[in-house]
């Protein structure tokens, strides 16, 4: 039996292969996807073309194959991109594929088999439509259509076409045309974590002129060297060591499907997502200054208040929204933003690019920033752009286990606790932001709790001018949340 509720998340399908994620679920989801496109565009199935690609997980090939069967049995057509990073799937909607699908046709969307940074036993599916990742409402429609499809006969005839195409050379050529030899003289360590990054990143950066030291470029779905998650400090030990030993200018780490970037400075220090986004934002603001354009930057509730305040102080416009690549992209489209990003390392450039999260492109931009500033100041270091963070203490992200079915109730109980005891944290509460969990704002800091979109955990983060305040916020919030979880389990 298909477990629809456990597999379908807010912005994608994600779960343990063989339990939550199965070939049967993917088959009906792909048929539902084509049905959805038909309803939205008015096209006949025979006139619809979509792409499919996959990450390096051991079960991704069979999931890709069943997607192809689902699409073609629905009468639509598919371009199989094979093993390729998630940004390549996104890019396929913008690429020139007329030689493959015909001059009169276009790509309506992409199907990307991946579980991103999750452990090797997980897999999943990301979907795009009309050059955008599908949002929560669209995914709910896909789910409803898939359930409807599953009640119909499995018997079908294959009418659609399936063609294979290697799009990576075109992608690398496009990025080279924008950045040329910007990396000349820059040494970079690239850690692909045995994900999909190794088939694009090292070659791309070398073509830009960089001296590249590679770590774990060979795709291997077992992820034998370390977990493919650059926002987890424990996965960055090797790249930090390599940056220092090779006297590199920076390190670039990819997650499992290469839509997230981790950046290591020349001293072997990992730049959190909000610090990295501030570097990109300040560079953007400087370039737009002469045009009298106000760059709009979207980020999420887990990020430092320093990020939002510094962007606004420097004549940009910072907007806070929910955590999640789908939410960021939707908000960027709504407010016509130039740049977006989140703590996990998803960076979205609409400025000079297409607006989707692409770790390779983000890597090109950080290399460009270093090169440009070194022309003016030979000893420039990217950390020179992070002075606003001086004097502020930020905690690492804390993950507190809570079963998915309890999250909503636990959070409601905690909200009531805070409402009834405004002095709970020992600091005056200035504001409570509830666009995604609770961001409790104090003077010079905050305490945040929100529900993870992909795992059975709450994610917490804390900020204060003093470390002692930050630790107090953390201890109190964890204690109270654990109390709420215990009460829920009793009931």
Protein backbone atom coordinates (compact mmCIF):
# COMPACT_ATOMS: atom_id res chain seq x y z
CA UNK A 1 0.00 0.00 0.00
CA UNK A 2 1.27 3.48 -0.88
CA UNK A 3 1.87 5.72 2.12
CA UNK A 4 0.93 9.04 0.53
CA UNK A 5 1.09 11.16 3.68
CA UNK A 6 4.58 10.09 4.75
CA UNK A 7 6.08 10.56 1.27
CA UNK A 8 4.57 13.90 0.24
CA UNK A 9 6.12 16.92 1.94
CA UNK A 10 5.34 20.59 1.45
CA UNK A 11 7.67 21.10 -1.51
CA UNK A 12 8.79 17.63 -2.57
CA UNK A 13 8.56 13.88 -2.04
CA UNK A 14 11.06 12.55 0.49
CA UNK A 15 11.42 9.37 2.53
CA UNK A 16 13.11 6.03 3.06
CA UNK A 17 13.36 4.02 -0.14
CA UNK A 18 11.21 0.89 -0.10
CA UNK A 19 9.10 2.20 2.77
CA UNK A 20 7.91 5.73 2.03
CA UNK A 21 9.36 6.11 -1.48
CA UNK A 22 8.49 3.29 -3.89
CA UNK A 23 8.36 2.66 -7.62
CA UNK A 24 4.58 2.43 -7.42
CA UNK A 25 4.31 5.86 -5.81
CA UNK A 26 6.63 7.37 -8.43
CA UNK A 27 4.67 5.79 -11.28
CA UNK A 28 1.36 7.34 -10.24
CA UNK A 29 3.01 10.63 -9.32
CA UNK A 30 4.55 10.96 -12.79
CA UNK A 31 1.18 10.28 -14.42
CA UNK A 32 -0.38 12.86 -12.09
CA UNK A 33 2.34 15.33 -13.04
CA UNK A 34 1.45 15.07 -16.71
CA UNK A 35 -2.26 15.36 -15.87
CA UNK A 36 -1.51 18.53 -13.91
CA UNK A 37 0.45 20.05 -16.81
CA UNK A 38 -2.39 19.22 -19.19
CA UNK A 39 -4.90 20.97 -16.90
CA UNK A 40 -2.71 24.05 -16.46
CA UNK A 41 -1.66 24.50 -20.09
CA UNK A 42 -4.55 23.03 -22.05
CA UNK A 43 -2.06 20.93 -24.03
CA UNK A 44 -2.64 17.40 -25.19
CA UNK A 45 -0.25 14.88 -23.61
CA UNK A 46 1.44 14.24 -26.97
CA UNK A 47 2.56 17.89 -27.07
CA UNK A 48 4.11 17.88 -23.58
CA UNK A 49 7.86 17.45 -23.01
CA UNK A 50 9.47 17.17 -19.57
CA UNK A 51 12.98 16.30 -18.42
CA UNK A 52 14.18 13.83 -15.82
CA UNK A 53 17.52 13.53 -14.01
CA UNK A 54 18.77 11.73 -10.92
CA UNK A 55 21.30 11.92 -8.11
CA UNK A 56 23.91 9.26 -7.29
CA UNK A 57 21.89 7.17 -4.83
CA UNK A 58 21.94 3.45 -5.51
CA UNK A 59 18.16 3.26 -6.04
CA UNK A 60 17.85 6.39 -8.18
CA UNK A 61 18.20 4.57 -11.55
CA UNK A 62 15.14 2.38 -11.00
CA UNK A 63 13.12 5.35 -9.74
CA UNK A 64 14.14 7.34 -12.82
CA UNK A 65 13.09 4.45 -15.06
CA UNK A 66 9.64 4.22 -13.49
CA UNK A 67 9.15 7.97 -13.92
CA UNK A 68 9.94 7.60 -17.60
CA UNK A 69 7.39 4.78 -17.87
CA UNK A 70 4.77 6.86 -16.08
CA UNK A 71 5.27 9.90 -18.30
CA UNK A 72 5.33 7.99 -21.59
CA UNK A 73 2.37 5.80 -20.61
CA UNK A 74 0.43 9.01 -20.01
CA UNK A 75 1.14 9.88 -23.65
CA UNK A 76 3.73 12.62 -22.91
CA UNK A 77 7.39 12.84 -23.88
CA UNK A 78 10.55 12.92 -21.79
CA UNK A 79 14.19 13.94 -22.16
CA UNK A 80 16.38 11.73 -20.00
CA UNK A 81 19.35 13.72 -18.68
CA UNK A 82 20.69 10.76 -16.71
CA UNK A 83 22.95 11.32 -13.69
CA UNK A 84 22.98 15.06 -13.19
CA UNK A 85 22.87 17.68 -10.40
CA UNK A 86 19.54 19.21 -9.41
CA UNK A 87 20.54 22.62 -10.90
CA UNK A 88 20.91 20.86 -14.26
CA UNK A 89 17.30 19.74 -13.96
CA UNK A 90 16.24 23.31 -13.25
CA UNK A 91 18.43 24.61 -16.08
CA UNK A 92 16.83 22.24 -18.58
CA UNK A 93 13.73 24.45 -18.69
CA UNK A 94 15.86 27.39 -19.86
CA UNK A 95 18.28 25.51 -22.16
CA UNK A 96 18.20 25.30 -25.92
CA UNK A 97 16.82 21.83 -26.58
CA UNK A 98 15.15 22.43 -29.94
CA UNK A 99 17.53 19.98 -31.65
CA UNK A 100 16.27 17.30 -29.25
CA UNK A 101 12.54 18.02 -28.97
CA UNK A 102 11.87 20.05 -32.14
CA UNK A 103 11.57 23.76 -32.83
CA UNK A 104 7.85 23.93 -32.04
CA UNK A 105 8.14 22.31 -28.60
CA UNK A 106 9.31 23.47 -25.19
CA UNK A 107 10.13 21.89 -21.85
CA UNK A 108 7.16 22.21 -19.48
CA UNK A 109 8.91 21.00 -16.34
CA UNK A 110 11.57 18.85 -14.73
CA UNK A 111 11.45 15.73 -12.57
CA UNK A 112 14.49 15.38 -10.32
CA UNK A 113 15.11 12.14 -8.42
CA UNK A 114 16.97 13.09 -5.25
CA UNK A 115 16.88 13.13 -1.48
CA UNK A 116 19.40 15.96 -1.41
CA UNK A 117 21.46 15.78 1.81
CA UNK A 118 19.55 12.96 3.48
CA UNK A 119 21.31 9.66 4.34
CA UNK A 120 21.81 7.02 1.65
CA UNK A 121 18.65 5.03 2.52
CA UNK A 122 16.49 8.03 1.56
CA UNK A 123 15.27 9.13 -1.84
CA UNK A 124 12.77 11.60 -3.20
CA UNK A 125 11.44 13.72 -6.03
CA UNK A 126 11.53 17.43 -6.85
CA UNK A 127 9.20 18.81 -9.52
CA UNK A 128 9.18 22.05 -11.48
CA UNK A 129 6.59 23.60 -13.72
CA UNK A 130 6.72 26.74 -15.84
CA UNK A 131 10.33 27.44 -14.76
CA UNK A 132 9.49 27.36 -11.03
CA UNK A 133 9.75 24.75 -8.29
CA UNK A 134 6.29 23.55 -7.36
CA UNK A 135 4.92 25.19 -4.23
CA UNK A 136 2.92 23.65 -1.40
CA UNK A 137 -0.48 24.16 -3.06
CA UNK A 138 0.74 22.68 -6.35
CA UNK A 139 2.22 19.65 -4.61
CA UNK A 140 -1.10 19.04 -2.88
CA UNK A 141 -2.79 19.00 -6.30
CA UNK A 142 -0.20 16.52 -7.58
CA UNK A 143 -0.83 14.33 -4.54
CA UNK A 144 -4.60 14.40 -5.09
CA UNK A 145 -4.19 13.58 -8.78
CA UNK A 146 -1.76 10.76 -7.98
CA UNK A 147 -4.23 9.17 -5.55
CA UNK A 148 -6.88 9.46 -8.24
CA UNK A 149 -4.56 7.87 -10.82
CA UNK A 150 -3.78 4.98 -8.44
CA UNK A 151 -7.44 3.98 -8.41
CA UNK A 152 -7.45 3.49 -12.16
CA UNK A 153 -6.21 0.48 -14.11
CA UNK A 154 -2.46 0.02 -14.42
CA UNK A 155 -2.93 -1.27 -17.97
CA UNK A 156 -1.76 1.29 -20.52
CA UNK A 157 -0.03 1.62 -23.85
CA UNK A 158 3.14 3.66 -24.34
CA UNK A 159 2.51 6.58 -26.66
CA UNK A 160 5.13 9.13 -25.60
CA UNK A 161 8.76 9.41 -26.66
CA UNK A 162 11.85 9.12 -24.50
CA UNK A 163 15.20 10.51 -25.66
CA UNK A 164 18.56 10.76 -23.91
CA UNK A 165 20.60 13.96 -23.88
CA UNK A 166 23.78 15.17 -22.15
CA UNK A 167 23.08 18.78 -21.26
CA UNK A 168 26.11 19.37 -19.01
CA UNK A 169 28.50 20.67 -21.73
CA UNK A 170 25.97 23.34 -22.74
CA UNK A 171 25.51 24.33 -19.10
CA UNK A 172 29.25 24.70 -18.47
CA UNK A 173 29.66 26.70 -21.69
CA UNK A 174 26.90 29.12 -20.63
CA UNK A 175 28.50 29.78 -17.25
CA UNK A 176 31.92 30.20 -18.85
CA UNK A 177 30.48 32.76 -21.27
CA UNK A 178 29.43 34.88 -18.28
CA UNK A 179 32.53 34.52 -16.09
CA UNK A 180 35.32 33.82 -18.63
CA UNK A 181 38.71 33.45 -16.89
CA UNK A 182 37.66 35.10 -13.63
CA UNK A 183 39.32 32.38 -11.55
CA UNK A 184 42.87 32.89 -12.81
CA UNK A 185 45.27 32.84 -9.87
CA UNK A 186 42.67 31.55 -7.38
CA UNK A 187 43.18 28.21 -5.65
CA UNK A 188 40.03 26.39 -4.57
CA UNK A 189 39.39 23.08 -2.84
CA UNK A 190 36.19 21.41 -4.10
CA UNK A 191 34.48 18.71 -1.99
CA UNK A 192 31.68 16.99 -3.90
CA UNK A 193 30.93 14.49 -1.09
CA UNK A 194 30.54 11.66 -3.65
CA UNK A 195 27.34 13.33 -4.85
CA UNK A 196 26.61 14.83 -8.25
CA UNK A 197 28.85 17.87 -7.81
CA UNK A 198 31.94 16.02 -9.00
CA UNK A 199 30.67 15.67 -12.57
CA UNK A 200 30.37 19.46 -13.01
CA UNK A 201 32.11 21.58 -10.35
CA UNK A 202 35.82 20.74 -10.76
CA UNK A 203 35.71 20.98 -14.56
CA UNK A 204 33.75 24.24 -14.46
CA UNK A 205 36.10 25.95 -12.00
CA UNK A 206 39.17 24.79 -13.91
CA UNK A 207 37.71 26.23 -17.09
CA UNK A 208 37.36 29.56 -15.27
CA UNK A 209 41.11 29.45 -14.60
CA UNK A 210 41.11 28.20 -10.99
CA UNK A 211 43.72 25.87 -9.55
CA UNK A 212 41.38 23.11 -8.29
CA UNK A 213 42.09 20.53 -5.59
CA UNK A 214 39.42 17.82 -5.67
CA UNK A 215 37.92 15.84 -2.81
CA UNK A 216 35.50 12.95 -3.34
CA UNK A 217 34.46 13.78 -6.91
CA UNK A 218 33.44 10.22 -7.79
CA UNK A 219 29.63 9.78 -7.47
CA UNK A 220 28.85 7.03 -4.98
CA UNK A 221 25.38 6.68 -3.47
CA UNK A 222 26.79 5.13 -0.30
CA UNK A 223 28.52 8.46 0.51
CA UNK A 224 31.52 6.56 1.90
CA UNK A 225 33.64 9.50 3.06
CA UNK A 226 31.12 11.72 4.80
CA UNK A 227 27.48 12.75 4.84
CA UNK A 228 26.69 15.08 1.87
CA UNK A 229 25.53 18.06 3.91
CA UNK A 230 27.79 21.16 3.96
CA UNK A 231 25.64 22.92 6.57
CA UNK A 232 26.70 20.21 9.05
CA UNK A 233 30.09 21.23 10.47
CA UNK A 234 31.06 17.60 11.08
CA UNK A 235 31.10 16.94 7.31
CA UNK A 236 33.61 19.72 6.63
CA UNK A 237 36.67 18.45 8.49
CA UNK A 238 38.44 17.19 5.35
CA UNK A 239 37.84 20.30 3.27
CA UNK A 240 38.92 22.61 6.09
CA UNK A 241 42.14 20.65 6.47
CA UNK A 242 42.74 20.65 2.70
CA UNK A 243 42.22 24.42 2.43
CA UNK A 244 44.84 25.09 5.11
CA UNK A 245 47.34 22.46 3.91
CA UNK A 246 47.14 23.65 0.29
CA UNK A 247 47.07 27.35 1.24
CA UNK A 248 43.94 27.68 -0.86
CA UNK A 249 41.96 30.89 -1.21
CA UNK A 250 38.71 29.13 -0.36
CA UNK A 251 36.90 25.81 -0.24
CA UNK A 252 33.59 24.98 -1.91
CA UNK A 253 31.51 22.04 -0.68
CA UNK A 254 28.39 20.65 -2.34
CA UNK A 255 25.51 18.70 -0.89
CA UNK A 256 24.28 15.43 -2.41
CA UNK A 257 22.44 17.01 -5.36
CA UNK A 258 24.51 20.20 -5.69
CA UNK A 259 21.83 22.81 -5.13
CA UNK A 260 23.43 23.90 -1.82
CA UNK A 261 26.87 25.36 -1.29
CA UNK A 262 29.18 25.50 1.69
CA UNK A 263 32.07 27.98 1.60
CA UNK A 264 35.27 27.72 3.67
CA UNK A 265 37.48 30.80 4.01
CA UNK A 266 41.27 30.66 3.63
CA UNK A 267 41.65 30.10 7.39
CA UNK A 268 39.53 26.94 7.28
CA UNK A 269 36.44 28.57 8.77
CA UNK A 270 32.98 27.66 7.46
CA UNK A 271 30.79 30.62 6.52
CA UNK A 272 27.20 30.05 7.65
CA UNK A 273 24.48 30.62 5.07
CA UNK A 274 23.50 34.04 6.40
CA UNK A 275 27.11 35.27 6.34
CA UNK A 276 27.55 33.98 2.80
CA UNK A 277 24.32 35.66 1.72
CA UNK A 278 25.49 38.95 3.22
CA UNK A 279 28.67 38.78 1.11
CA UNK A 280 26.61 38.28 -2.04
CA UNK A 281 24.13 41.00 -1.01
CA UNK A 282 26.79 43.64 -0.26
CA UNK A 283 28.46 42.94 -3.60
CA UNK A 284 25.08 43.27 -5.31
CA UNK A 285 24.29 46.54 -3.52
CA UNK A 286 27.65 47.99 -4.52
CA UNK A 287 27.14 47.11 -8.19
CA UNK A 288 23.59 48.50 -8.22
CA UNK A 289 24.50 51.73 -6.42
CA UNK A 290 25.18 53.73 -9.59
CA UNK A 291 21.93 52.57 -11.21
CA UNK A 292 19.89 53.86 -8.25
CA UNK A 293 18.21 50.46 -8.07
CA UNK A 294 17.34 49.03 -4.66
CA UNK A 295 18.33 45.35 -4.62
CA UNK A 296 15.70 43.18 -2.94
CA UNK A 297 17.03 40.22 -0.94
CA UNK A 298 14.82 37.45 0.45
CA UNK A 299 15.93 35.22 3.29
CA UNK A 300 14.42 33.03 5.99
CA UNK A 301 13.60 33.05 9.66
CA UNK A 302 16.70 31.10 10.76
CA UNK A 303 19.09 33.81 9.57
CA UNK A 304 20.83 36.36 11.77
CA UNK A 305 19.15 39.70 12.38
CA UNK A 306 22.52 41.17 11.36
CA UNK A 307 21.83 40.05 7.78
CA UNK A 308 18.50 41.87 7.52
CA UNK A 309 19.67 45.00 9.37
CA UNK A 310 22.91 45.35 7.37
CA UNK A 311 21.18 44.98 4.01
CA UNK A 312 18.59 47.62 4.95
CA UNK A 313 21.24 49.96 6.41
CA UNK A 314 23.20 49.78 3.14
CA UNK A 315 20.18 50.81 1.05
CA UNK A 316 19.03 47.36 0.07
CA UNK A 317 15.68 45.85 0.98
CA UNK A 318 15.66 42.64 3.07
CA UNK A 319 12.52 40.50 3.32
CA UNK A 320 12.03 37.61 5.75
CA UNK A 321 10.01 34.52 4.80
CA UNK A 322 9.51 30.85 5.62
CA UNK A 323 12.37 28.36 5.46
CA UNK A 324 12.41 26.11 2.38
CA UNK A 325 13.64 26.48 -1.19
CA UNK A 326 10.07 26.46 -2.52
CA UNK A 327 8.98 29.26 -0.18
CA UNK A 328 12.07 31.34 -0.96
CA UNK A 329 11.51 31.02 -4.70
CA UNK A 330 7.82 31.87 -4.42
CA UNK A 331 8.52 34.95 -2.30
CA UNK A 332 11.28 36.08 -4.69
CA UNK A 333 8.84 35.90 -7.58
CA UNK A 334 6.17 37.74 -5.57
CA UNK A 335 8.44 40.68 -4.64
CA UNK A 336 10.63 40.59 -7.78
CA UNK A 337 13.77 39.96 -5.72
CA UNK A 338 17.31 40.02 -7.09
CA UNK A 339 18.76 37.55 -4.61
CA UNK A 340 17.61 34.99 -2.05
CA UNK A 341 19.13 32.47 0.30
CA UNK A 342 18.82 30.47 3.48
CA UNK A 343 20.99 29.09 6.26
CA UNK A 344 21.35 25.68 4.65
CA UNK A 345 23.29 27.11 1.69
CA UNK A 346 20.54 27.40 -0.92
CA UNK A 347 21.41 30.60 -2.81
CA UNK A 348 19.10 31.98 -5.52
CA UNK A 349 20.40 34.52 -8.03
CA UNK A 350 17.86 36.32 -10.17
CA UNK A 351 20.48 38.97 -10.85
CA UNK A 352 22.29 37.86 -14.04
CA UNK A 353 20.78 34.37 -13.71
CA UNK A 354 17.54 32.38 -13.68
CA UNK A 355 16.56 32.53 -10.01
CA UNK A 356 16.96 28.87 -9.03
CA UNK A 357 19.33 27.49 -6.37
CA UNK A 358 22.57 26.43 -8.02
CA UNK A 359 25.73 25.74 -6.00
CA UNK A 360 27.93 25.87 -9.11
CA UNK A 361 26.71 29.33 -10.05
CA UNK A 362 27.01 30.47 -6.43
CA UNK A 363 30.59 29.19 -6.50
CA UNK A 364 31.30 31.23 -9.63
CA UNK A 365 29.94 34.36 -7.93
CA UNK A 366 32.10 33.97 -4.80
CA UNK A 367 35.17 33.42 -6.99
CA UNK A 368 34.22 36.54 -8.95
CA UNK A 369 33.89 38.59 -5.73
CA UNK A 370 37.34 37.52 -4.58
CA UNK A 371 38.93 38.21 -7.97
CA UNK A 372 37.27 41.63 -8.36
CA UNK A 373 38.26 42.84 -4.91
CA UNK A 374 41.83 41.58 -5.25
CA UNK A 375 42.32 43.81 -8.25
CA UNK A 376 41.79 46.75 -5.87
CA UNK A 377 43.24 45.22 -2.67
CA UNK A 378 45.71 42.36 -3.27
CA UNK A 379 45.37 40.96 0.26
CA UNK A 380 41.55 41.03 0.21
CA UNK A 381 39.82 38.33 2.25
CA UNK A 382 36.08 37.61 1.95
CA UNK A 383 35.80 37.81 5.73
CA UNK A 384 36.56 41.54 5.38
CA UNK A 385 32.92 41.86 4.29
CA UNK A 386 31.61 40.31 7.52
CA UNK A 387 32.52 43.05 10.04
CA UNK A 388 28.81 43.63 10.87
CA UNK A 389 28.81 40.24 12.60
CA UNK A 390 31.47 41.36 15.07
CA UNK A 391 30.07 41.64 18.58
CA UNK A 392 27.15 39.27 17.94
CA UNK A 393 27.06 35.67 19.13
CA UNK A 394 25.13 33.19 16.98
CA UNK A 395 24.48 29.61 17.99
CA UNK A 396 24.80 26.65 15.70
CA UNK A 397 21.53 25.18 14.52
CA UNK A 398 20.05 22.91 17.19
CA UNK A 399 17.93 19.93 16.15
CA UNK A 400 15.41 18.61 18.68
CA UNK A 401 13.71 15.33 17.82
CA UNK A 402 9.91 15.36 17.65
CA UNK A 403 7.69 12.97 15.74
CA UNK A 404 6.00 14.65 12.78
CA UNK A 405 2.48 13.97 14.06
CA UNK A 406 3.26 15.77 17.34
CA UNK A 407 4.95 18.88 15.95
CA UNK A 408 1.86 21.03 15.48
CA UNK A 409 0.46 20.29 18.95
CA UNK A 410 3.82 20.77 20.66
CA UNK A 411 4.33 24.14 19.00
CA UNK A 412 0.83 25.27 19.99
CA UNK A 413 1.53 24.28 23.60
CA UNK A 414 4.83 26.16 23.57
CA UNK A 415 3.21 29.28 22.09
CA UNK A 416 0.69 29.25 24.93
CA UNK A 417 3.55 28.93 27.45
CA UNK A 418 5.24 32.02 26.03
CA UNK A 419 2.01 34.01 25.94
CA UNK A 420 1.35 33.26 29.61
CA UNK A 421 4.93 33.97 30.73
CA UNK A 422 6.46 36.85 28.80
CA UNK A 423 9.50 36.90 31.13
CA UNK A 424 10.31 33.23 30.48
CA UNK A 425 13.63 33.94 28.76
CA UNK A 426 14.88 36.59 31.19
CA UNK A 427 14.82 39.29 28.47
CA UNK A 428 12.01 41.53 27.32
CA UNK A 429 10.24 40.23 24.23
CA UNK A 430 10.05 42.93 21.54
CA UNK A 431 8.20 40.94 18.88
CA UNK A 432 7.09 37.41 18.00
CA UNK A 433 7.25 36.53 14.30
CA UNK A 434 5.07 33.55 13.38
CA UNK A 435 5.51 33.23 9.60
CA UNK A 436 7.38 29.95 10.22
CA UNK A 437 7.26 28.60 13.76
CA UNK A 438 8.15 31.23 16.37
CA UNK A 439 10.96 33.77 16.11
CA UNK A 440 10.96 35.43 19.53
CA UNK A 441 12.80 38.74 19.14
CA UNK A 442 14.68 40.45 21.98
CA UNK A 443 16.83 43.57 21.96
CA UNK A 444 19.96 42.45 20.11
CA UNK A 445 18.89 38.86 19.60
CA UNK A 446 16.25 36.18 19.09
CA UNK A 447 15.23 32.61 19.90
CA UNK A 448 13.73 30.54 17.09
CA UNK A 449 11.81 27.27 16.91
CA UNK A 450 10.35 25.91 13.68
CA UNK A 451 9.24 22.58 12.25
CA UNK A 452 11.62 20.93 9.81
CA UNK A 453 10.00 20.41 6.40
CA UNK A 454 11.88 17.16 5.74
CA UNK A 455 12.69 15.42 9.04
CA UNK A 456 11.03 14.62 12.42
CA UNK A 457 12.77 17.46 14.25
CA UNK A 458 12.35 21.02 15.41
CA UNK A 459 15.17 23.29 14.27
CA UNK A 460 16.26 25.93 16.77
CA UNK A 461 18.61 28.88 16.54
CA UNK A 462 19.64 31.64 18.92
CA UNK A 463 21.39 35.00 18.74
CA UNK A 464 22.48 37.56 21.34
CA UNK A 465 25.15 40.16 22.01
CA UNK A 466 26.48 37.99 24.83
CA UNK A 467 27.18 34.26 24.70
CA UNK A 468 25.64 33.82 28.14
CA UNK A 469 22.32 35.25 26.92
CA UNK A 470 22.41 33.01 23.87
CA UNK A 471 23.02 29.92 26.00
CA UNK A 472 20.22 30.93 28.37
CA UNK A 473 17.74 31.29 25.50
CA UNK A 474 18.79 27.85 24.22
CA UNK A 475 18.58 26.06 27.56
CA UNK A 476 15.17 27.51 28.39
CA UNK A 477 13.65 26.81 24.98
CA UNK A 478 14.92 23.22 24.83
CA UNK A 479 13.68 22.55 28.37
CA UNK A 480 10.21 23.92 27.68
CA UNK A 481 9.88 22.15 24.33
CA UNK A 482 10.92 18.84 25.89
CA UNK A 483 8.27 19.41 28.55
CA UNK A 484 5.65 19.95 25.83
CA UNK A 485 6.78 16.82 23.94
CA UNK A 486 6.59 14.76 27.13
CA UNK A 487 3.07 16.06 27.85
CA UNK A 488 1.97 15.19 24.30
CA UNK A 489 3.33 11.67 24.60
CA UNK A 490 1.43 11.19 27.89
CA UNK A 491 -1.80 12.23 26.23
